[in-house]
Amino acid sequence: MLETLFESLLWKSRLVVLVAVIFSMAAALVMFFIATVDAWVMIVHVIDYASPALSIAERGTMRAEAVTHVVEIVDGYLLGAVLLIFSLGLYELFISKIDQAAGDDTASKILLIRNLDDLKNRLAKVILMILVVRFFESALGIHFDSAMNLLLLAGGIALIGLALYLSHMGERPH
C-alpha cells in the first residue's frame, strides 16, 4: 500500500510541469504581442518614408532603421514560436497528448512531440534561426572600413551556412 501511494504521488508530481507550460505559453503570447506592436509602430512610422520633404540621407537613415526593426520583429516572433513549441512540447511529454493536434490534418508536424529528442531538435532549429536573425541584425551595424571586417562577415556567413547544413543533415534518413 505504501508503495502504491508513493508511486501515485511520483506520477502526479509530473503535473508540476503545468507551471512551466502555462508561463511559457503566457511568455509566448507576450512575445507575439510585443512583436506585433513593434510591427504596427514601424508601419505607422514608415509612412513618412514617402514624404517629399525627406532628404536622401534622411530616407537612407529611415531605411536602415526600418530594416533593423524588421529584424527585431522577426526575432520577437521567432522567440514567441520557441516558447510556444516549448510549452506544447512539455505538455505533450509530461501531461497528455493534444488530441486536437494529432487528429487535425492541418496541424503542423512541428507541434507534435513524441519524446525529449523531438522537443530538443525542434527548439534547436528555431533557436538557430533566432541566431541567424541576430547575426543579420549585427551585420547591418558593421562598418566595412577594413578588409578584416569583410573577412569576418564572410567567415560568419560561412559558419551560418555550415550550421544550417549540419542541422539539415540530421533530418536525412541514414
N, C-alpha and C. Protein backbone atom coordinates (compact mmCIF):
# COMPACT_ATOMS: atom_id res chain seq x y z
N MET A 1 0.81 -1.20 0.00
CA MET A 1 0.00 0.00 0.00
C MET A 1 0.86 1.27 0.00
N LEU A 2 1.91 1.27 0.79
CA LEU A 2 2.81 2.42 0.84
C LEU A 2 3.49 2.64 -0.51
N GLU A 3 3.86 1.53 -1.14
CA GLU A 3 4.49 1.62 -2.46
C GLU A 3 3.52 2.21 -3.48
N THR A 4 2.28 1.78 -3.46
CA THR A 4 1.25 2.29 -4.38
C THR A 4 1.02 3.78 -4.16
N LEU A 5 0.95 4.17 -2.91
CA LEU A 5 0.77 5.59 -2.58
C LEU A 5 1.95 6.42 -3.06
N PHE A 6 3.15 5.92 -2.83
CA PHE A 6 4.36 6.63 -3.24
C PHE A 6 4.44 6.75 -4.76
N GLU A 7 4.14 5.66 -5.47
CA GLU A 7 4.17 5.69 -6.94
C GLU A 7 3.11 6.63 -7.49
N SER A 8 1.95 6.65 -6.84
CA SER A 8 0.89 7.57 -7.25
C SER A 8 1.35 9.01 -7.07
N LEU A 9 1.98 9.28 -5.96
CA LEU A 9 2.50 10.62 -5.71
C LEU A 9 3.59 10.99 -6.72
N LEU A 10 4.47 10.05 -7.00
CA LEU A 10 5.51 10.29 -8.01
C LEU A 10 4.89 10.61 -9.37
N TRP A 11 3.90 9.82 -9.77
CA TRP A 11 3.28 10.02 -11.07
C TRP A 11 2.57 11.37 -11.15
N LYS A 12 1.90 11.75 -10.09
CA LYS A 12 1.18 13.02 -10.08
C LYS A 12 2.13 14.21 -9.98
N SER A 13 3.35 13.99 -9.53
CA SER A 13 4.31 15.09 -9.43
C SER A 13 4.67 15.66 -10.79
N ARG A 14 4.42 14.91 -11.84
CA ARG A 14 4.68 15.42 -13.20
C ARG A 14 3.82 16.63 -13.51
N LEU A 15 2.71 16.79 -12.78
CA LEU A 15 1.80 17.91 -13.02
C LEU A 15 2.44 19.26 -12.68
N VAL A 16 3.57 19.25 -11.97
CA VAL A 16 4.28 20.49 -11.68
C VAL A 16 4.75 21.14 -12.99
N VAL A 17 4.86 20.34 -14.02
CA VAL A 17 5.26 20.86 -15.35
C VAL A 17 4.21 21.83 -15.88
N LEU A 18 2.98 21.72 -15.39
CA LEU A 18 1.94 22.66 -15.83
C LEU A 18 2.33 24.11 -15.57
N VAL A 19 3.09 24.35 -14.52
CA VAL A 19 3.55 25.71 -14.23
C VAL A 19 4.39 26.22 -15.41
N ALA A 20 5.34 25.38 -15.85
CA ALA A 20 6.19 25.76 -16.99
C ALA A 20 5.36 25.91 -18.26
N VAL A 21 4.39 25.05 -18.46
CA VAL A 21 3.54 25.10 -19.65
C VAL A 21 2.76 26.42 -19.68
N ILE A 22 2.14 26.74 -18.58
CA ILE A 22 1.30 27.94 -18.51
C ILE A 22 2.14 29.21 -18.69
N PHE A 23 3.25 29.30 -17.97
CA PHE A 23 4.04 30.52 -18.05
C PHE A 23 4.82 30.62 -19.37
N SER A 24 5.19 29.50 -19.96
CA SER A 24 5.82 29.54 -21.29
C SER A 24 4.82 30.00 -22.34
N MET A 25 3.59 29.52 -22.22
CA MET A 25 2.54 29.96 -23.14
C MET A 25 2.27 31.45 -22.96
N ALA A 26 2.21 31.89 -21.70
CA ALA A 26 2.00 33.32 -21.44
C ALA A 26 3.15 34.15 -22.00
N ALA A 27 4.38 33.68 -21.82
CA ALA A 27 5.54 34.40 -22.36
C ALA A 27 5.50 34.42 -23.88
N ALA A 28 5.04 33.33 -24.50
CA ALA A 28 4.90 33.30 -25.97
C ALA A 28 3.90 34.35 -26.43
N LEU A 29 2.77 34.41 -25.74
CA LEU A 29 1.76 35.42 -26.10
C LEU A 29 2.29 36.83 -25.93
N VAL A 30 3.06 37.05 -24.87
CA VAL A 30 3.67 38.36 -24.65
C VAL A 30 4.63 38.70 -25.79
N MET A 31 5.46 37.73 -26.20
CA MET A 31 6.40 38.00 -27.30
C MET A 31 5.66 38.28 -28.60
N PHE A 32 4.58 37.54 -28.88
CA PHE A 32 3.80 37.80 -30.09
C PHE A 32 3.17 39.19 -30.03
N PHE A 33 2.68 39.58 -28.86
CA PHE A 33 2.10 40.90 -28.68
C PHE A 33 3.15 41.99 -28.90
N ILE A 34 4.31 41.83 -28.27
CA ILE A 34 5.38 42.83 -28.40
C ILE A 34 5.81 42.96 -29.86
N ALA A 35 6.01 41.83 -30.54
CA ALA A 35 6.44 41.88 -31.94
C ALA A 35 5.37 42.51 -32.82
N THR A 36 4.11 42.23 -32.51
CA THR A 36 3.02 42.81 -33.30
C THR A 36 2.93 44.32 -33.08
N VAL A 37 3.07 44.77 -31.83
CA VAL A 37 3.06 46.21 -31.56
C VAL A 37 4.24 46.87 -32.26
N ASP A 38 5.42 46.25 -32.19
CA ASP A 38 6.60 46.79 -32.88
C ASP A 38 6.35 46.88 -34.38
N ALA A 39 5.71 45.87 -34.95
CA ALA A 39 5.41 45.89 -36.40
C ALA A 39 4.45 47.02 -36.73
N TRP A 40 3.42 47.17 -35.90
CA TRP A 40 2.45 48.24 -36.13
C TRP A 40 3.11 49.61 -36.06
N VAL A 41 3.91 49.83 -35.02
CA VAL A 41 4.59 51.12 -34.86
C VAL A 41 5.51 51.38 -36.04
N MET A 42 6.24 50.34 -36.48
CA MET A 42 7.13 50.52 -37.63
C MET A 42 6.34 50.89 -38.88
N ILE A 43 5.22 50.23 -39.11
CA ILE A 43 4.41 50.53 -40.30
C ILE A 43 3.89 51.95 -40.24
N VAL A 44 3.45 52.39 -39.07
CA VAL A 44 2.94 53.75 -38.92
C VAL A 44 4.05 54.77 -39.21
N HIS A 45 5.26 54.50 -38.70
CA HIS A 45 6.36 55.44 -38.91
C HIS A 45 6.91 55.39 -40.33
N VAL A 46 6.83 54.28 -40.98
CA VAL A 46 7.43 54.16 -42.31
C VAL A 46 6.58 54.88 -43.38
N ILE A 47 5.36 55.26 -43.03
CA ILE A 47 4.53 56.02 -43.96
C ILE A 47 5.22 57.34 -44.30
N ASP A 48 5.97 57.89 -43.34
CA ASP A 48 6.71 59.13 -43.57
C ASP A 48 7.81 58.97 -44.61
N TYR A 49 8.18 57.74 -44.93
CA TYR A 49 9.25 57.47 -45.89
C TYR A 49 8.95 58.07 -47.26
N ALA A 50 7.67 58.11 -47.62
CA ALA A 50 7.27 58.63 -48.93
C ALA A 50 7.20 60.16 -48.98
N SER A 51 7.42 60.81 -47.85
CA SER A 51 7.31 62.26 -47.81
C SER A 51 8.36 62.92 -48.70
N PRO A 52 7.94 63.83 -49.58
CA PRO A 52 8.90 64.53 -50.44
C PRO A 52 9.82 65.48 -49.66
N ALA A 53 9.47 65.77 -48.41
CA ALA A 53 10.28 66.68 -47.60
C ALA A 53 11.55 66.01 -47.08
N LEU A 54 11.63 64.68 -47.16
CA LEU A 54 12.81 63.96 -46.67
C LEU A 54 13.97 64.06 -47.66
N SER A 55 15.14 64.26 -47.12
CA SER A 55 16.33 64.25 -47.96
C SER A 55 16.74 62.81 -48.21
N ILE A 56 17.65 62.62 -49.14
CA ILE A 56 18.15 61.28 -49.46
C ILE A 56 18.82 60.67 -48.23
N ALA A 57 19.57 61.48 -47.49
CA ALA A 57 20.25 60.98 -46.29
C ALA A 57 19.24 60.56 -45.22
N GLU A 58 18.19 61.37 -45.03
CA GLU A 58 17.17 61.03 -44.04
C GLU A 58 16.43 59.76 -44.46
N ARG A 59 16.17 59.63 -45.75
CA ARG A 59 15.49 58.44 -46.26
C ARG A 59 16.38 57.20 -46.06
N GLY A 60 17.67 57.36 -46.29
CA GLY A 60 18.61 56.24 -46.07
C GLY A 60 18.65 55.83 -44.61
N THR A 61 18.67 56.80 -43.71
CA THR A 61 18.65 56.51 -42.28
C THR A 61 17.36 55.79 -41.90
N MET A 62 16.25 56.28 -42.44
CA MET A 62 14.96 55.67 -42.14
C MET A 62 14.90 54.23 -42.67
N ARG A 63 15.47 54.00 -43.85
CA ARG A 63 15.50 52.66 -44.42
C ARG A 63 16.31 51.72 -43.54
N ALA A 64 17.48 52.17 -43.10
CA ALA A 64 18.32 51.35 -42.24
C ALA A 64 17.62 51.03 -40.93
N GLU A 65 16.94 52.02 -40.35
CA GLU A 65 16.19 51.79 -39.11
C GLU A 65 15.04 50.81 -39.35
N ALA A 66 14.36 50.93 -40.50
CA ALA A 66 13.24 50.03 -40.80
C ALA A 66 13.73 48.59 -40.94
N VAL A 67 14.86 48.40 -41.62
CA VAL A 67 15.41 47.04 -41.77
C VAL A 67 15.78 46.47 -40.40
N THR A 68 16.38 47.28 -39.55
CA THR A 68 16.73 46.83 -38.20
C THR A 68 15.47 46.47 -37.41
N HIS A 69 14.43 47.27 -37.54
CA HIS A 69 13.18 46.98 -36.84
C HIS A 69 12.54 45.69 -37.35
N VAL A 70 12.60 45.48 -38.66
CA VAL A 70 12.04 44.24 -39.22
C VAL A 70 12.77 43.03 -38.65
N VAL A 71 14.09 43.13 -38.56
CA VAL A 71 14.87 42.02 -37.99
C VAL A 71 14.48 41.79 -36.53
N GLU A 72 14.30 42.86 -35.77
CA GLU A 72 13.88 42.73 -34.37
C GLU A 72 12.49 42.11 -34.27
N ILE A 73 11.60 42.46 -35.19
CA ILE A 73 10.25 41.91 -35.19
C ILE A 73 10.30 40.42 -35.50
N VAL A 74 11.07 40.03 -36.51
CA VAL A 74 11.22 38.61 -36.83
C VAL A 74 11.79 37.87 -35.63
N ASP A 75 12.77 38.47 -34.98
CA ASP A 75 13.38 37.87 -33.80
C ASP A 75 12.34 37.67 -32.69
N GLY A 76 11.48 38.65 -32.49
CA GLY A 76 10.43 38.53 -31.48
C GLY A 76 9.45 37.42 -31.80
N TYR A 77 9.04 37.32 -33.06
CA TYR A 77 8.12 36.25 -33.44
C TYR A 77 8.79 34.88 -33.32
N LEU A 78 10.05 34.78 -33.69
CA LEU A 78 10.75 33.51 -33.55
C LEU A 78 10.88 33.10 -32.08
N LEU A 79 11.17 34.05 -31.21
CA LEU A 79 11.25 33.74 -29.79
C LEU A 79 9.88 33.30 -29.26
N GLY A 80 8.83 33.95 -29.72
CA GLY A 80 7.47 33.52 -29.36
C GLY A 80 7.20 32.10 -29.83
N ALA A 81 7.67 31.78 -31.04
CA ALA A 81 7.49 30.42 -31.57
C ALA A 81 8.26 29.40 -30.73
N VAL A 82 9.47 29.74 -30.30
CA VAL A 82 10.25 28.84 -29.45
C VAL A 82 9.48 28.56 -28.16
N LEU A 83 8.95 29.61 -27.55
CA LEU A 83 8.21 29.44 -26.30
C LEU A 83 6.93 28.63 -26.51
N LEU A 84 6.28 28.84 -27.65
CA LEU A 84 5.07 28.08 -27.97
C LEU A 84 5.40 26.60 -28.16
N ILE A 85 6.43 26.30 -28.93
CA ILE A 85 6.84 24.91 -29.14
C ILE A 85 7.25 24.28 -27.83
N PHE A 86 7.99 25.02 -27.02
CA PHE A 86 8.43 24.52 -25.72
C PHE A 86 7.23 24.19 -24.84
N SER A 87 6.27 25.10 -24.78
CA SER A 87 5.09 24.91 -23.94
C SER A 87 4.28 23.70 -24.39
N LEU A 88 3.99 23.62 -25.68
CA LEU A 88 3.21 22.49 -26.19
C LEU A 88 3.98 21.18 -26.06
N GLY A 89 5.28 21.23 -26.28
CA GLY A 89 6.10 20.03 -26.16
C GLY A 89 6.13 19.50 -24.74
N LEU A 90 6.31 20.39 -23.78
CA LEU A 90 6.29 19.96 -22.37
C LEU A 90 4.94 19.35 -22.01
N TYR A 91 3.88 19.98 -22.47
CA TYR A 91 2.54 19.46 -22.17
C TYR A 91 2.38 18.05 -22.73
N GLU A 92 2.76 17.86 -24.00
CA GLU A 92 2.61 16.54 -24.62
C GLU A 92 3.50 15.49 -23.98
N LEU A 93 4.68 15.88 -23.54
CA LEU A 93 5.60 14.90 -22.97
C LEU A 93 5.22 14.50 -21.54
N PHE A 94 4.75 15.45 -20.75
CA PHE A 94 4.55 15.18 -19.34
C PHE A 94 3.10 15.07 -18.90
N ILE A 95 2.20 15.69 -19.62
CA ILE A 95 0.82 15.74 -19.15
C ILE A 95 -0.08 14.83 -20.01
N SER A 96 -0.27 15.20 -21.26
CA SER A 96 -1.18 14.44 -22.11
C SER A 96 -0.95 14.82 -23.57
N LYS A 97 -1.27 13.91 -24.46
CA LYS A 97 -1.23 14.22 -25.89
C LYS A 97 -2.33 15.23 -26.19
N ILE A 98 -2.07 16.11 -27.13
CA ILE A 98 -3.07 17.09 -27.55
C ILE A 98 -3.86 16.44 -28.67
N ASP A 99 -5.04 15.93 -28.33
CA ASP A 99 -5.84 15.15 -29.27
C ASP A 99 -6.22 15.95 -30.50
N GLN A 100 -6.54 17.21 -30.34
CA GLN A 100 -6.95 18.03 -31.48
C GLN A 100 -5.81 18.20 -32.48
N ALA A 101 -4.58 18.29 -32.01
CA ALA A 101 -3.43 18.44 -32.91
C ALA A 101 -3.16 17.14 -33.65
N ALA A 102 -3.28 16.01 -32.97
CA ALA A 102 -2.99 14.72 -33.60
C ALA A 102 -4.04 14.36 -34.64
N GLY A 103 -5.28 14.74 -34.41
CA GLY A 103 -6.35 14.38 -35.33
C GLY A 103 -6.59 15.39 -36.43
N ASP A 104 -5.89 16.50 -36.42
CA ASP A 104 -6.12 17.57 -37.39
C ASP A 104 -5.12 17.46 -38.53
N ASP A 105 -5.62 17.33 -39.77
CA ASP A 105 -4.73 17.23 -40.93
C ASP A 105 -3.93 18.50 -41.17
N THR A 106 -4.45 19.63 -40.72
CA THR A 106 -3.75 20.90 -40.94
C THR A 106 -2.75 21.21 -39.83
N ALA A 107 -2.73 20.39 -38.79
CA ALA A 107 -1.80 20.64 -37.68
C ALA A 107 -0.37 20.47 -38.17
N SER A 108 0.46 21.38 -37.77
CA SER A 108 1.86 21.34 -38.16
C SER A 108 2.56 20.19 -37.43
N LYS A 109 3.40 19.48 -38.15
CA LYS A 109 4.15 18.38 -37.54
C LYS A 109 5.15 18.90 -36.51
N ILE A 110 5.48 20.18 -36.56
CA ILE A 110 6.44 20.73 -35.61
C ILE A 110 5.86 20.75 -34.19
N LEU A 111 4.54 20.75 -34.08
CA LEU A 111 3.93 20.81 -32.77
C LEU A 111 3.65 19.43 -32.19
N LEU A 112 3.86 18.37 -32.97
CA LEU A 112 3.67 17.02 -32.46
C LEU A 112 5.01 16.52 -31.92
N ILE A 113 5.08 16.37 -30.62
CA ILE A 113 6.32 15.99 -29.94
C ILE A 113 6.15 14.58 -29.39
N ARG A 114 7.06 13.68 -29.77
CA ARG A 114 6.98 12.29 -29.30
C ARG A 114 7.90 12.01 -28.12
N ASN A 115 9.04 12.73 -28.06
CA ASN A 115 9.99 12.48 -26.97
C ASN A 115 10.84 13.73 -26.76
N LEU A 116 11.73 13.67 -25.78
CA LEU A 116 12.57 14.84 -25.48
C LEU A 116 13.49 15.20 -26.64
N ASP A 117 13.94 14.21 -27.39
CA ASP A 117 14.79 14.49 -28.56
C ASP A 117 14.03 15.29 -29.61
N ASP A 118 12.75 14.96 -29.84
CA ASP A 118 11.93 15.74 -30.77
C ASP A 118 11.84 17.19 -30.31
N LEU A 119 11.55 17.37 -29.03
CA LEU A 119 11.44 18.73 -28.49
C LEU A 119 12.76 19.47 -28.63
N LYS A 120 13.84 18.80 -28.27
CA LYS A 120 15.17 19.42 -28.34
C LYS A 120 15.51 19.81 -29.78
N ASN A 121 15.25 18.93 -30.73
CA ASN A 121 15.58 19.21 -32.13
C ASN A 121 14.75 20.36 -32.69
N ARG A 122 13.48 20.39 -32.35
CA ARG A 122 12.63 21.47 -32.85
C ARG A 122 13.05 22.82 -32.25
N LEU A 123 13.33 22.80 -30.96
CA LEU A 123 13.78 24.04 -30.32
C LEU A 123 15.12 24.48 -30.87
N ALA A 124 16.03 23.54 -31.09
CA ALA A 124 17.36 23.88 -31.61
C ALA A 124 17.25 24.55 -32.97
N LYS A 125 16.36 24.07 -33.81
CA LYS A 125 16.22 24.66 -35.15
C LYS A 125 15.68 26.08 -35.08
N VAL A 126 14.70 26.30 -34.21
CA VAL A 126 14.16 27.66 -34.10
C VAL A 126 15.18 28.58 -33.44
N ILE A 127 15.91 28.08 -32.45
CA ILE A 127 16.95 28.90 -31.82
C ILE A 127 18.05 29.22 -32.83
N LEU A 128 18.39 28.27 -33.69
CA LEU A 128 19.37 28.53 -34.74
C LEU A 128 18.88 29.65 -35.65
N MET A 129 17.59 29.65 -35.96
CA MET A 129 17.04 30.72 -36.80
C MET A 129 17.11 32.06 -36.08
N ILE A 130 16.87 32.07 -34.77
CA ILE A 130 16.99 33.31 -33.99
C ILE A 130 18.43 33.81 -34.06
N LEU A 131 19.40 32.90 -33.93
CA LEU A 131 20.80 33.30 -34.00
C LEU A 131 21.15 33.84 -35.39
N VAL A 132 20.59 33.25 -36.43
CA VAL A 132 20.83 33.75 -37.79
C VAL A 132 20.28 35.17 -37.92
N VAL A 133 19.07 35.38 -37.39
CA VAL A 133 18.46 36.72 -37.45
C VAL A 133 19.30 37.70 -36.65
N ARG A 134 19.77 37.30 -35.47
CA ARG A 134 20.63 38.18 -34.65
C ARG A 134 21.93 38.52 -35.36
N PHE A 135 22.51 37.53 -36.04
CA PHE A 135 23.73 37.77 -36.80
C PHE A 135 23.45 38.80 -37.90
N PHE A 136 22.33 38.62 -38.60
CA PHE A 136 21.96 39.55 -39.65
C PHE A 136 21.78 40.96 -39.08
N GLU A 137 21.14 41.05 -37.92
CA GLU A 137 20.95 42.34 -37.27
C GLU A 137 22.29 42.98 -36.92
N SER A 138 23.21 42.19 -36.40
CA SER A 138 24.55 42.71 -36.07
C SER A 138 25.31 43.10 -37.32
N ALA A 139 25.17 42.31 -38.37
CA ALA A 139 25.88 42.59 -39.62
C ALA A 139 25.42 43.91 -40.24
N LEU A 140 24.17 44.28 -40.00
CA LEU A 140 23.68 45.55 -40.53
C LEU A 140 24.41 46.74 -39.92
N GLY A 141 24.89 46.57 -38.69
CA GLY A 141 25.56 47.66 -37.99
C GLY A 141 27.06 47.72 -38.21
N ILE A 142 27.61 46.76 -38.93
CA ILE A 142 29.06 46.73 -39.14
C ILE A 142 29.44 47.79 -40.16
N HIS A 143 30.50 48.53 -39.86
CA HIS A 143 31.04 49.49 -40.81
C HIS A 143 32.20 48.80 -41.53
N PHE A 144 32.08 48.68 -42.81
CA PHE A 144 33.08 47.97 -43.60
C PHE A 144 34.21 48.92 -43.99
N ASP A 145 35.00 49.28 -42.98
CA ASP A 145 36.09 50.22 -43.22
C ASP A 145 37.43 49.51 -43.35
N SER A 146 37.41 48.18 -43.25
CA SER A 146 38.66 47.45 -43.43
C SER A 146 38.36 46.08 -44.04
N ALA A 147 39.39 45.50 -44.60
CA ALA A 147 39.25 44.17 -45.20
C ALA A 147 38.94 43.13 -44.12
N MET A 148 39.44 43.37 -42.91
CA MET A 148 39.20 42.41 -41.82
C MET A 148 37.71 42.32 -41.50
N ASN A 149 37.01 43.44 -41.51
CA ASN A 149 35.57 43.41 -41.25
C ASN A 149 34.84 42.58 -42.31
N LEU A 150 35.23 42.77 -43.57
CA LEU A 150 34.63 41.97 -44.65
C LEU A 150 34.96 40.49 -44.49
N LEU A 151 36.19 40.20 -44.10
CA LEU A 151 36.61 38.81 -43.89
C LEU A 151 35.84 38.18 -42.74
N LEU A 152 35.65 38.91 -41.65
CA LEU A 152 34.88 38.40 -40.52
C LEU A 152 33.42 38.17 -40.90
N LEU A 153 32.85 39.07 -41.67
CA LEU A 153 31.48 38.90 -42.13
C LEU A 153 31.37 37.64 -43.00
N ALA A 154 32.31 37.47 -43.93
CA ALA A 154 32.31 36.28 -44.78
C ALA A 154 32.46 35.01 -43.96
N GLY A 155 33.33 35.05 -42.96
CA GLY A 155 33.50 33.89 -42.08
C GLY A 155 32.24 33.58 -41.31
N GLY A 156 31.57 34.61 -40.82
CA GLY A 156 30.31 34.41 -40.11
C GLY A 156 29.24 33.81 -41.00
N ILE A 157 29.17 34.30 -42.23
CA ILE A 157 28.19 33.75 -43.19
C ILE A 157 28.51 32.30 -43.49
N ALA A 158 29.80 31.98 -43.66
CA ALA A 158 30.20 30.60 -43.92
C ALA A 158 29.83 29.69 -42.74
N LEU A 159 30.06 30.17 -41.52
CA LEU A 159 29.71 29.37 -40.34
C LEU A 159 28.20 29.18 -40.22
N ILE A 160 27.43 30.19 -40.56
CA ILE A 160 25.97 30.06 -40.54
C ILE A 160 25.54 29.02 -41.58
N GLY A 161 26.13 29.10 -42.76
CA GLY A 161 25.82 28.11 -43.79
C GLY A 161 26.15 26.70 -43.32
N LEU A 162 27.29 26.54 -42.67
CA LEU A 162 27.68 25.23 -42.15
C LEU A 162 26.71 24.76 -41.07
N ALA A 163 26.31 25.65 -40.19
CA ALA A 163 25.36 25.28 -39.13
C ALA A 163 24.02 24.85 -39.72
N LEU A 164 23.54 25.58 -40.71
CA LEU A 164 22.28 25.21 -41.35
C LEU A 164 22.41 23.88 -42.08
N TYR A 165 23.53 23.68 -42.75
CA TYR A 165 23.77 22.42 -43.45
C TYR A 165 23.78 21.25 -42.47
N LEU A 166 24.51 21.42 -41.37
CA LEU A 166 24.60 20.34 -40.37
C LEU A 166 23.25 20.08 -39.70
N SER A 167 22.46 21.14 -39.49
CA SER A 167 21.15 20.92 -38.87
C SER A 167 20.23 20.15 -39.80
N HIS A 168 20.38 20.35 -41.10
CA HIS A 168 19.54 19.60 -42.06
C HIS A 168 20.09 18.20 -42.30
N MET A 169 21.35 17.99 -42.07
CA MET A 169 21.92 16.63 -42.22
C MET A 169 21.29 15.68 -41.22
N GLY A 170 20.94 16.17 -40.06
CA GLY A 170 20.32 15.33 -39.04
C GLY A 170 18.92 14.89 -39.42
N GLU A 171 18.26 15.58 -40.36
CA GLU A 171 16.92 15.22 -40.79
C GLU A 171 16.91 14.08 -41.78
N ARG A 172 18.00 13.91 -42.50
CA ARG A 172 18.04 12.89 -43.56
C ARG A 172 18.08 11.50 -42.95
N PRO A 173 17.36 10.56 -43.60
CA PRO A 173 17.44 9.17 -43.12
C PRO A 173 18.82 8.60 -43.44
N HIS A 174 19.34 7.82 -42.50
CA HIS A 174 20.68 7.28 -42.67
C HIS A 174 20.65 6.00 -43.45
